[in-house]
Full PDB file with SEQRES, HELIX, SHEET, SSBOND, CRYST1, ORIGX, SCALE, CONECT and MASTER records, all heavy atoms in Angstrom:
SEQRES   1 A   32  SER LEU PRO ASP THR GLN LEU ARG LEU LEU ALA LEU GLY          
SEQRES   2 A   32  MET ASP ALA TYR ASN VAL LEU GLY GLN LEU ASN GLN LEU          
SEQRES   3 A   32  ALA THR THR PRO TYR ASN                                      
HELIX    1 AA1 ASP A    4  GLN A    6  5                                   3    
HELIX    2 AA2 LEU A    7  VAL A   19  1                                  13    
HELIX    3 AA3 LEU A   20  GLN A   25  5                                   6    
CRYST1    1.000    1.000    1.000  90.00  90.00  90.00 P 1           1          
ORIGX1      1.000000  0.000000  0.000000        0.00000                         
ORIGX2      0.000000  1.000000  0.000000        0.00000                         
ORIGX3      0.000000  0.000000  1.000000        0.00000                         
SCALE1      1.000000  0.000000  0.000000        0.00000                         
SCALE2      0.000000  1.000000  0.000000        0.00000                         
SCALE3      0.000000  0.000000  1.000000        0.00000                         
ATOM      1  N   SER A   1    -132.613 -78.153 -70.927  1.00  0.00           N  
ATOM      2  CA  SER A   1    -132.846 -79.593 -71.265  1.00  0.00           C  
ATOM      3  C   SER A   1    -131.629 -80.318 -70.827  1.00  0.00           C  
ATOM      4  O   SER A   1    -131.643 -81.571 -70.981  1.00  0.00           O  
ATOM      5  CB  SER A   1    -133.208 -79.782 -72.655  1.00  0.00           C  
ATOM      6  OG  SER A   1    -132.168 -79.295 -73.509  1.00  0.00           O  
ATOM      7  N   LEU A   2    -130.517 -79.709 -70.456  1.00  0.00           N  
ATOM      8  CA  LEU A   2    -129.373 -80.376 -70.130  1.00  0.00           C  
ATOM      9  C   LEU A   2    -129.334 -80.972 -68.663  1.00  0.00           C  
ATOM     10  O   LEU A   2    -129.871 -80.408 -67.861  1.00  0.00           O  
ATOM     11  CB  LEU A   2    -128.082 -79.512 -70.322  1.00  0.00           C  
ATOM     12  CG  LEU A   2    -127.701 -78.952 -71.625  1.00  0.00           C  
ATOM     13  CD1 LEU A   2    -126.519 -78.006 -71.548  1.00  0.00           C  
ATOM     14  CD2 LEU A   2    -127.369 -80.172 -72.652  1.00  0.00           C  
ATOM     15  N   PRO A   3    -128.703 -82.106 -68.469  1.00  0.00           N  
ATOM     16  CA  PRO A   3    -128.496 -82.627 -67.134  1.00  0.00           C  
ATOM     17  C   PRO A   3    -127.609 -81.690 -66.326  1.00  0.00           C  
ATOM     18  O   PRO A   3    -126.898 -80.915 -66.851  1.00  0.00           O  
ATOM     19  CB  PRO A   3    -127.911 -83.994 -67.289  1.00  0.00           C  
ATOM     20  CG  PRO A   3    -128.084 -84.370 -68.782  1.00  0.00           C  
ATOM     21  CD  PRO A   3    -128.142 -83.107 -69.451  1.00  0.00           C  
ATOM     22  N   ASP A   4    -127.907 -81.774 -65.016  1.00  0.00           N  
ATOM     23  CA  ASP A   4    -127.006 -80.850 -64.194  1.00  0.00           C  
ATOM     24  C   ASP A   4    -125.575 -81.004 -64.328  1.00  0.00           C  
ATOM     25  O   ASP A   4    -124.770 -79.974 -64.232  1.00  0.00           O  
ATOM     26  CB  ASP A   4    -127.355 -81.139 -62.668  1.00  0.00           C  
ATOM     27  CG  ASP A   4    -128.776 -80.815 -62.269  1.00  0.00           C  
ATOM     28  OD1 ASP A   4    -129.405 -80.116 -63.123  1.00  0.00           O  
ATOM     29  OD2 ASP A   4    -129.239 -81.276 -61.184  1.00  0.00           O  
ATOM     30  N   THR A   5    -125.095 -82.310 -64.609  1.00  0.00           N  
ATOM     31  CA  THR A   5    -123.669 -82.536 -64.665  1.00  0.00           C  
ATOM     32  C   THR A   5    -123.128 -81.911 -65.966  1.00  0.00           C  
ATOM     33  O   THR A   5    -121.804 -81.815 -66.131  1.00  0.00           O  
ATOM     34  CB  THR A   5    -123.380 -83.989 -64.746  1.00  0.00           C  
ATOM     35  OG1 THR A   5    -124.203 -84.675 -65.851  1.00  0.00           O  
ATOM     36  CG2 THR A   5    -123.738 -84.715 -63.500  1.00  0.00           C  
ATOM     37  N   GLN A   6    -123.796 -81.395 -66.882  1.00  0.00           N  
ATOM     38  CA  GLN A   6    -123.421 -80.782 -68.115  1.00  0.00           C  
ATOM     39  C   GLN A   6    -123.419 -79.311 -68.165  1.00  0.00           C  
ATOM     40  O   GLN A   6    -122.945 -78.743 -69.219  1.00  0.00           O  
ATOM     41  CB  GLN A   6    -124.065 -81.509 -69.339  1.00  0.00           C  
ATOM     42  CG  GLN A   6    -123.846 -82.984 -69.440  1.00  0.00           C  
ATOM     43  CD  GLN A   6    -124.751 -83.521 -70.524  1.00  0.00           C  
ATOM     44  OE1 GLN A   6    -125.345 -82.792 -71.383  1.00  0.00           O  
ATOM     45  NE2 GLN A   6    -124.771 -84.824 -70.675  1.00  0.00           N  
ATOM     46  N   LEU A   7    -123.988 -78.623 -67.242  1.00  0.00           N  
ATOM     47  CA  LEU A   7    -124.074 -77.236 -67.199  1.00  0.00           C  
ATOM     48  C   LEU A   7    -122.751 -76.565 -67.298  1.00  0.00           C  
ATOM     49  O   LEU A   7    -122.598 -75.519 -68.051  1.00  0.00           O  
ATOM     50  CB  LEU A   7    -124.865 -76.758 -65.949  1.00  0.00           C  
ATOM     51  CG  LEU A   7    -126.403 -77.237 -65.877  1.00  0.00           C  
ATOM     52  CD1 LEU A   7    -127.066 -76.649 -64.711  1.00  0.00           C  
ATOM     53  CD2 LEU A   7    -127.179 -76.949 -67.159  1.00  0.00           C  
ATOM     54  N   ARG A   8    -121.808 -76.922 -66.429  1.00  0.00           N  
ATOM     55  CA  ARG A   8    -120.463 -76.386 -66.448  1.00  0.00           C  
ATOM     56  C   ARG A   8    -119.780 -76.585 -67.813  1.00  0.00           C  
ATOM     57  O   ARG A   8    -118.967 -75.750 -68.281  1.00  0.00           O  
ATOM     58  CB  ARG A   8    -119.601 -76.943 -65.372  1.00  0.00           C  
ATOM     59  CG  ARG A   8    -120.236 -76.440 -64.010  1.00  0.00           C  
ATOM     60  CD  ARG A   8    -119.320 -77.160 -62.854  1.00  0.00           C  
ATOM     61  NE  ARG A   8    -119.956 -76.822 -61.415  1.00  0.00           N  
ATOM     62  CZ  ARG A   8    -120.999 -77.340 -60.905  1.00  0.00           C  
ATOM     63  NH1 ARG A   8    -121.576 -78.386 -61.573  1.00  0.00           N  
ATOM     64  NH2 ARG A   8    -121.445 -76.969 -59.719  1.00  0.00           N  
ATOM     65  N   LEU A   9    -120.162 -77.645 -68.445  1.00  0.00           N  
ATOM     66  CA  LEU A   9    -119.459 -77.973 -69.778  1.00  0.00           C  
ATOM     67  C   LEU A   9    -120.042 -77.025 -70.821  1.00  0.00           C  
ATOM     68  O   LEU A   9    -119.287 -76.546 -71.761  1.00  0.00           O  
ATOM     69  CB  LEU A   9    -119.741 -79.399 -70.211  1.00  0.00           C  
ATOM     70  CG  LEU A   9    -119.140 -80.367 -69.409  1.00  0.00           C  
ATOM     71  CD1 LEU A   9    -119.572 -81.891 -69.955  1.00  0.00           C  
ATOM     72  CD2 LEU A   9    -117.620 -80.377 -69.456  1.00  0.00           C  
ATOM     73  N   LEU A  10    -121.325 -76.570 -70.727  1.00  0.00           N  
ATOM     74  CA  LEU A  10    -121.853 -75.473 -71.649  1.00  0.00           C  
ATOM     75  C   LEU A  10    -121.073 -74.276 -71.527  1.00  0.00           C  
ATOM     76  O   LEU A  10    -120.707 -73.602 -72.444  1.00  0.00           O  
ATOM     77  CB  LEU A  10    -123.329 -75.345 -71.350  1.00  0.00           C  
ATOM     78  CG  LEU A  10    -124.018 -74.282 -72.146  1.00  0.00           C  
ATOM     79  CD1 LEU A  10    -124.328 -74.866 -73.538  1.00  0.00           C  
ATOM     80  CD2 LEU A  10    -125.329 -73.809 -71.510  1.00  0.00           C  
ATOM     81  N   ALA A  11    -120.799 -73.761 -70.254  1.00  0.00           N  
ATOM     82  CA  ALA A  11    -119.994 -72.627 -69.970  1.00  0.00           C  
ATOM     83  C   ALA A  11    -118.593 -72.785 -70.527  1.00  0.00           C  
ATOM     84  O   ALA A  11    -118.026 -71.828 -71.004  1.00  0.00           O  
ATOM     85  CB  ALA A  11    -119.967 -72.321 -68.462  1.00  0.00           C  
ATOM     86  N   LEU A  12    -118.020 -73.930 -70.355  1.00  0.00           N  
ATOM     87  CA  LEU A  12    -116.662 -74.248 -70.906  1.00  0.00           C  
ATOM     88  C   LEU A  12    -116.668 -74.014 -72.407  1.00  0.00           C  
ATOM     89  O   LEU A  12    -115.689 -73.380 -72.926  1.00  0.00           O  
ATOM     90  CB  LEU A  12    -116.263 -75.670 -70.620  1.00  0.00           C  
ATOM     91  CG  LEU A  12    -114.931 -76.144 -71.185  1.00  0.00           C  
ATOM     92  CD1 LEU A  12    -113.822 -75.443 -70.511  1.00  0.00           C  
ATOM     93  CD2 LEU A  12    -114.774 -77.667 -70.926  1.00  0.00           C  
ATOM     94  N   GLY A  13    -117.687 -74.428 -73.141  1.00  0.00           N  
ATOM     95  CA  GLY A  13    -117.717 -74.206 -74.559  1.00  0.00           C  
ATOM     96  C   GLY A  13    -117.781 -72.784 -74.904  1.00  0.00           C  
ATOM     97  O   GLY A  13    -117.117 -72.189 -75.890  1.00  0.00           O  
ATOM     98  N   MET A  14    -118.603 -72.005 -74.133  1.00  0.00           N  
ATOM     99  CA  MET A  14    -118.680 -70.542 -74.358  1.00  0.00           C  
ATOM    100  C   MET A  14    -117.307 -69.831 -74.288  1.00  0.00           C  
ATOM    101  O   MET A  14    -116.814 -69.132 -75.107  1.00  0.00           O  
ATOM    102  CB  MET A  14    -119.581 -69.838 -73.357  1.00  0.00           C  
ATOM    103  CG  MET A  14    -121.082 -70.271 -73.594  1.00  0.00           C  
ATOM    104  SD  MET A  14    -122.054 -69.469 -72.246  1.00  0.00           S  
ATOM    105  CE  MET A  14    -123.632 -70.236 -72.554  1.00  0.00           C  
ATOM    106  N   ASP A  15    -116.573 -70.201 -73.236  1.00  0.00           N  
ATOM    107  CA  ASP A  15    -115.321 -69.621 -72.944  1.00  0.00           C  
ATOM    108  C   ASP A  15    -114.332 -70.017 -73.917  1.00  0.00           C  
ATOM    109  O   ASP A  15    -113.407 -69.225 -74.463  1.00  0.00           O  
ATOM    110  CB  ASP A  15    -114.778 -69.856 -71.503  1.00  0.00           C  
ATOM    111  CG  ASP A  15    -115.526 -68.947 -70.497  1.00  0.00           C  
ATOM    112  OD1 ASP A  15    -116.164 -68.107 -70.823  1.00  0.00           O  
ATOM    113  OD2 ASP A  15    -115.255 -69.232 -69.260  1.00  0.00           O  
ATOM    114  N   ALA A  16    -114.325 -71.324 -74.342  1.00  0.00           N  
ATOM    115  CA  ALA A  16    -113.333 -71.863 -75.379  1.00  0.00           C  
ATOM    116  C   ALA A  16    -113.436 -71.059 -76.637  1.00  0.00           C  
ATOM    117  O   ALA A  16    -112.402 -70.683 -77.192  1.00  0.00           O  
ATOM    118  CB  ALA A  16    -113.664 -73.286 -75.620  1.00  0.00           C  
ATOM    119  N   TYR A  17    -114.643 -70.807 -77.027  1.00  0.00           N  
ATOM    120  CA  TYR A  17    -114.819 -69.983 -78.351  1.00  0.00           C  
ATOM    121  C   TYR A  17    -114.341 -68.661 -78.084  1.00  0.00           C  
ATOM    122  O   TYR A  17    -113.579 -67.982 -79.036  1.00  0.00           O  
ATOM    123  CB  TYR A  17    -116.289 -69.955 -78.734  1.00  0.00           C  
ATOM    124  CG  TYR A  17    -116.517 -69.256 -80.042  1.00  0.00           C  
ATOM    125  CD1 TYR A  17    -116.295 -69.891 -81.197  1.00  0.00           C  
ATOM    126  CD2 TYR A  17    -116.822 -67.880 -80.101  1.00  0.00           C  
ATOM    127  CE1 TYR A  17    -116.427 -69.239 -82.484  1.00  0.00           C  
ATOM    128  CE2 TYR A  17    -117.029 -67.215 -81.331  1.00  0.00           C  
ATOM    129  CZ  TYR A  17    -116.734 -67.964 -82.434  1.00  0.00           C  
ATOM    130  OH  TYR A  17    -116.935 -67.236 -83.604  1.00  0.00           O  
ATOM    131  N   ASN A  18    -114.676 -67.978 -76.989  1.00  0.00           N  
ATOM    132  CA  ASN A  18    -114.322 -66.526 -76.735  1.00  0.00           C  
ATOM    133  C   ASN A  18    -112.847 -66.280 -76.526  1.00  0.00           C  
ATOM    134  O   ASN A  18    -112.392 -65.164 -76.854  1.00  0.00           O  
ATOM    135  CB  ASN A  18    -115.172 -65.922 -75.659  1.00  0.00           C  
ATOM    136  CG  ASN A  18    -116.617 -65.748 -76.185  1.00  0.00           C  
ATOM    137  OD1 ASN A  18    -116.838 -65.354 -77.296  1.00  0.00           O  
ATOM    138  ND2 ASN A  18    -117.602 -65.843 -75.178  1.00  0.00           N  
ATOM    139  N   VAL A  19    -112.145 -67.272 -75.922  1.00  0.00           N  
ATOM    140  CA  VAL A  19    -110.754 -66.978 -75.686  1.00  0.00           C  
ATOM    141  C   VAL A  19    -109.802 -67.399 -76.751  1.00  0.00           C  
ATOM    142  O   VAL A  19    -108.664 -67.127 -76.696  1.00  0.00           O  
ATOM    143  CB  VAL A  19    -110.189 -67.694 -74.286  1.00  0.00           C  
ATOM    144  CG1 VAL A  19    -111.045 -67.253 -73.160  1.00  0.00           C  
ATOM    145  CG2 VAL A  19    -110.252 -69.102 -74.480  1.00  0.00           C  
ATOM    146  N   LEU A  20    -110.438 -68.104 -77.737  1.00  0.00           N  
ATOM    147  CA  LEU A  20    -109.463 -68.671 -78.816  1.00  0.00           C  
ATOM    148  C   LEU A  20    -108.675 -67.593 -79.547  1.00  0.00           C  
ATOM    149  O   LEU A  20    -107.555 -67.906 -79.776  1.00  0.00           O  
ATOM    150  CB  LEU A  20    -110.382 -69.415 -79.838  1.00  0.00           C  
ATOM    151  CG  LEU A  20    -109.743 -70.294 -80.860  1.00  0.00           C  
ATOM    152  CD1 LEU A  20    -108.909 -71.329 -80.163  1.00  0.00           C  
ATOM    153  CD2 LEU A  20    -110.762 -70.814 -81.837  1.00  0.00           C  
ATOM    154  N   GLY A  21    -109.200 -66.469 -79.724  1.00  0.00           N  
ATOM    155  CA  GLY A  21    -108.395 -65.414 -80.340  1.00  0.00           C  
ATOM    156  C   GLY A  21    -107.595 -64.514 -79.484  1.00  0.00           C  
ATOM    157  O   GLY A  21    -106.903 -63.633 -79.885  1.00  0.00           O  
ATOM    158  N   GLN A  22    -107.595 -64.873 -78.084  1.00  0.00           N  
ATOM    159  CA  GLN A  22    -106.935 -64.109 -77.132  1.00  0.00           C  
ATOM    160  C   GLN A  22    -105.828 -64.867 -76.446  1.00  0.00           C  
ATOM    161  O   GLN A  22    -105.301 -64.394 -75.464  1.00  0.00           O  
ATOM    162  CB  GLN A  22    -107.890 -63.523 -76.104  1.00  0.00           C  
ATOM    163  CG  GLN A  22    -109.005 -62.730 -76.749  1.00  0.00           C  
ATOM    164  CD  GLN A  22    -109.983 -62.216 -75.707  1.00  0.00           C  
ATOM    165  OE1 GLN A  22    -109.544 -61.827 -74.517  1.00  0.00           O  
ATOM    166  NE2 GLN A  22    -111.248 -62.211 -75.955  1.00  0.00           N  
ATOM    167  N   LEU A  23    -105.447 -66.044 -76.956  1.00  0.00           N  
ATOM    168  CA  LEU A  23    -104.563 -66.928 -76.173  1.00  0.00           C  
ATOM    169  C   LEU A  23    -103.203 -66.224 -75.842  1.00  0.00           C  
ATOM    170  O   LEU A  23    -102.559 -66.383 -74.806  1.00  0.00           O  
ATOM    171  CB  LEU A  23    -104.284 -68.209 -76.993  1.00  0.00           C  
ATOM    172  CG  LEU A  23    -105.572 -69.105 -77.026  1.00  0.00           C  
ATOM    173  CD1 LEU A  23    -105.309 -70.315 -77.991  1.00  0.00           C  
ATOM    174  CD2 LEU A  23    -105.988 -69.614 -75.681  1.00  0.00           C  
ATOM    175  N   ASN A  24    -102.660 -65.435 -76.847  1.00  0.00           N  
ATOM    176  CA  ASN A  24    -101.400 -64.860 -76.600  1.00  0.00           C  
ATOM    177  C   ASN A  24    -101.409 -63.767 -75.591  1.00  0.00           C  
ATOM    178  O   ASN A  24    -100.378 -63.382 -75.105  1.00  0.00           O  
ATOM    179  CB  ASN A  24    -100.854 -64.302 -78.061  1.00  0.00           C  
ATOM    180  CG  ASN A  24    -100.530 -65.369 -79.001  1.00  0.00           C  
ATOM    181  OD1 ASN A  24    -100.087 -66.535 -78.578  1.00  0.00           O  
ATOM    182  ND2 ASN A  24    -100.628 -65.098 -80.225  1.00  0.00           N  
ATOM    183  N   GLN A  25    -102.657 -63.226 -75.442  1.00  0.00           N  
ATOM    184  CA  GLN A  25    -102.757 -62.028 -74.368  1.00  0.00           C  
ATOM    185  C   GLN A  25    -102.991 -62.520 -73.006  1.00  0.00           C  
ATOM    186  O   GLN A  25    -102.810 -61.770 -72.062  1.00  0.00           O  
ATOM    187  CB  GLN A  25    -103.862 -61.023 -74.958  1.00  0.00           C  
ATOM    188  CG  GLN A  25    -103.490 -60.285 -76.101  1.00  0.00           C  
ATOM    189  CD  GLN A  25    -103.725 -61.093 -77.398  1.00  0.00           C  
ATOM    190  OE1 GLN A  25    -104.790 -61.798 -77.525  1.00  0.00           O  
ATOM    191  NE2 GLN A  25    -102.768 -61.075 -78.329  1.00  0.00           N  
ATOM    192  N   LEU A  26    -103.378 -63.776 -72.811  1.00  0.00           N  
ATOM    193  CA  LEU A  26    -103.902 -64.169 -71.549  1.00  0.00           C  
ATOM    194  C   LEU A  26    -102.876 -64.255 -70.492  1.00  0.00           C  
ATOM    195  O   LEU A  26    -103.153 -64.256 -69.335  1.00  0.00           O  
ATOM    196  CB  LEU A  26    -104.618 -65.650 -71.660  1.00  0.00           C  
ATOM    197  CG  LEU A  26    -106.045 -65.690 -72.353  1.00  0.00           C  
ATOM    198  CD1 LEU A  26    -106.469 -67.048 -72.453  1.00  0.00           C  
ATOM    199  CD2 LEU A  26    -106.980 -64.735 -71.511  1.00  0.00           C  
ATOM    200  N   ALA A  27    -101.636 -64.351 -70.840  1.00  0.00           N  
ATOM    201  CA  ALA A  27    -100.524 -64.405 -69.856  1.00  0.00           C  
ATOM    202  C   ALA A  27    -100.456 -63.149 -69.151  1.00  0.00           C  
ATOM    203  O   ALA A  27    -100.015 -63.064 -67.970  1.00  0.00           O  
ATOM    204  CB  ALA A  27     -99.213 -64.628 -70.607  1.00  0.00           C  
ATOM    205  N   THR A  28    -100.746 -62.018 -69.788  1.00  0.00           N  
ATOM    206  CA  THR A  28    -100.743 -60.666 -69.145  1.00  0.00           C  
ATOM    207  C   THR A  28    -102.115 -59.995 -68.909  1.00  0.00           C  
ATOM    208  O   THR A  28    -102.196 -59.142 -68.070  1.00  0.00           O  
ATOM    209  CB  THR A  28     -99.888 -59.760 -70.068  1.00  0.00           C  
ATOM    210  OG1 THR A  28    -100.389 -59.686 -71.351  1.00  0.00           O  
ATOM    211  CG2 THR A  28     -98.401 -60.191 -70.093  1.00  0.00           C  
ATOM    212  N   THR A  29    -103.117 -60.401 -69.682  1.00  0.00           N  
ATOM    213  CA  THR A  29    -104.420 -59.763 -69.529  1.00  0.00           C  
ATOM    214  C   THR A  29    -105.467 -60.755 -69.397  1.00  0.00           C  
ATOM    215  O   THR A  29    -105.902 -61.503 -70.375  1.00  0.00           O  
ATOM    216  CB  THR A  29    -104.765 -58.971 -70.861  1.00  0.00           C  
ATOM    217  OG1 THR A  29    -103.748 -58.087 -70.982  1.00  0.00           O  
ATOM    218  CG2 THR A  29    -106.137 -58.208 -70.576  1.00  0.00           C  
ATOM    219  N   PRO A  30    -105.967 -61.104 -68.147  1.00  0.00           N  
ATOM    220  CA  PRO A  30    -106.908 -62.134 -67.924  1.00  0.00           C  
ATOM    221  C   PRO A  30    -108.276 -61.909 -68.513  1.00  0.00           C  
ATOM    222  O   PRO A  30    -108.553 -60.726 -68.864  1.00  0.00           O  
ATOM    223  CB  PRO A  30    -107.065 -62.102 -66.255  1.00  0.00           C  
ATOM    224  CG  PRO A  30    -105.833 -61.388 -65.772  1.00  0.00           C  
ATOM    225  CD  PRO A  30    -105.492 -60.413 -66.908  1.00  0.00           C  
ATOM    226  N   TYR A  31    -109.004 -62.955 -68.771  1.00  0.00           N  
ATOM    227  CA  TYR A  31    -110.275 -62.841 -69.455  1.00  0.00           C  
ATOM    228  C   TYR A  31    -111.320 -63.222 -68.500  1.00  0.00           C  
ATOM    229  O   TYR A  31    -111.221 -64.197 -67.820  1.00  0.00           O  
ATOM    230  CB  TYR A  31    -110.368 -63.764 -70.690  1.00  0.00           C  
ATOM    231  CG  TYR A  31    -111.684 -63.843 -71.264  1.00  0.00           C  
ATOM    232  CD1 TYR A  31    -112.205 -62.930 -72.135  1.00  0.00           C  
ATOM    233  CD2 TYR A  31    -112.524 -64.966 -70.938  1.00  0.00           C  
ATOM    234  CE1 TYR A  31    -113.439 -62.939 -72.717  1.00  0.00           C  
ATOM    235  CE2 TYR A  31    -113.842 -64.994 -71.635  1.00  0.00           C  
ATOM    236  CZ  TYR A  31    -114.264 -64.011 -72.403  1.00  0.00           C  
ATOM    237  OH  TYR A  31    -115.505 -64.090 -73.057  1.00  0.00           O  
ATOM    238  N   ASN A  32    -112.396 -62.326 -68.328  1.00  0.00           N  
ATOM    239  CA  ASN A  32    -113.487 -62.550 -67.342  1.00  0.00           C  
ATOM    240  C   ASN A  32    -114.474 -63.517 -68.011  1.00  0.00           C  
ATOM    241  O   ASN A  32    -115.457 -62.969 -68.687  1.00  0.00           O  
ATOM    242  CB  ASN A  32    -114.017 -61.267 -66.930  1.00  0.00           C  
ATOM    243  CG  ASN A  32    -113.004 -60.346 -66.110  1.00  0.00           C  
ATOM    244  OD1 ASN A  32    -112.043 -60.896 -65.505  1.00  0.00           O  
ATOM    245  ND2 ASN A  32    -113.198 -59.083 -66.172  1.00  0.00           N  
TER     246      ASN A  32                                                      
MASTER        0    0    0    3    0    0    0    6  245    1    0    3          
END                                                                             
């Protein structure tokens, strides 16, 4: 039901939640 312009924002929200607890590790261990 989302407009095309907002699809990438949905993915942004998913990643924001999932990387929140890994911020200190992202400098050495990338997150897919």
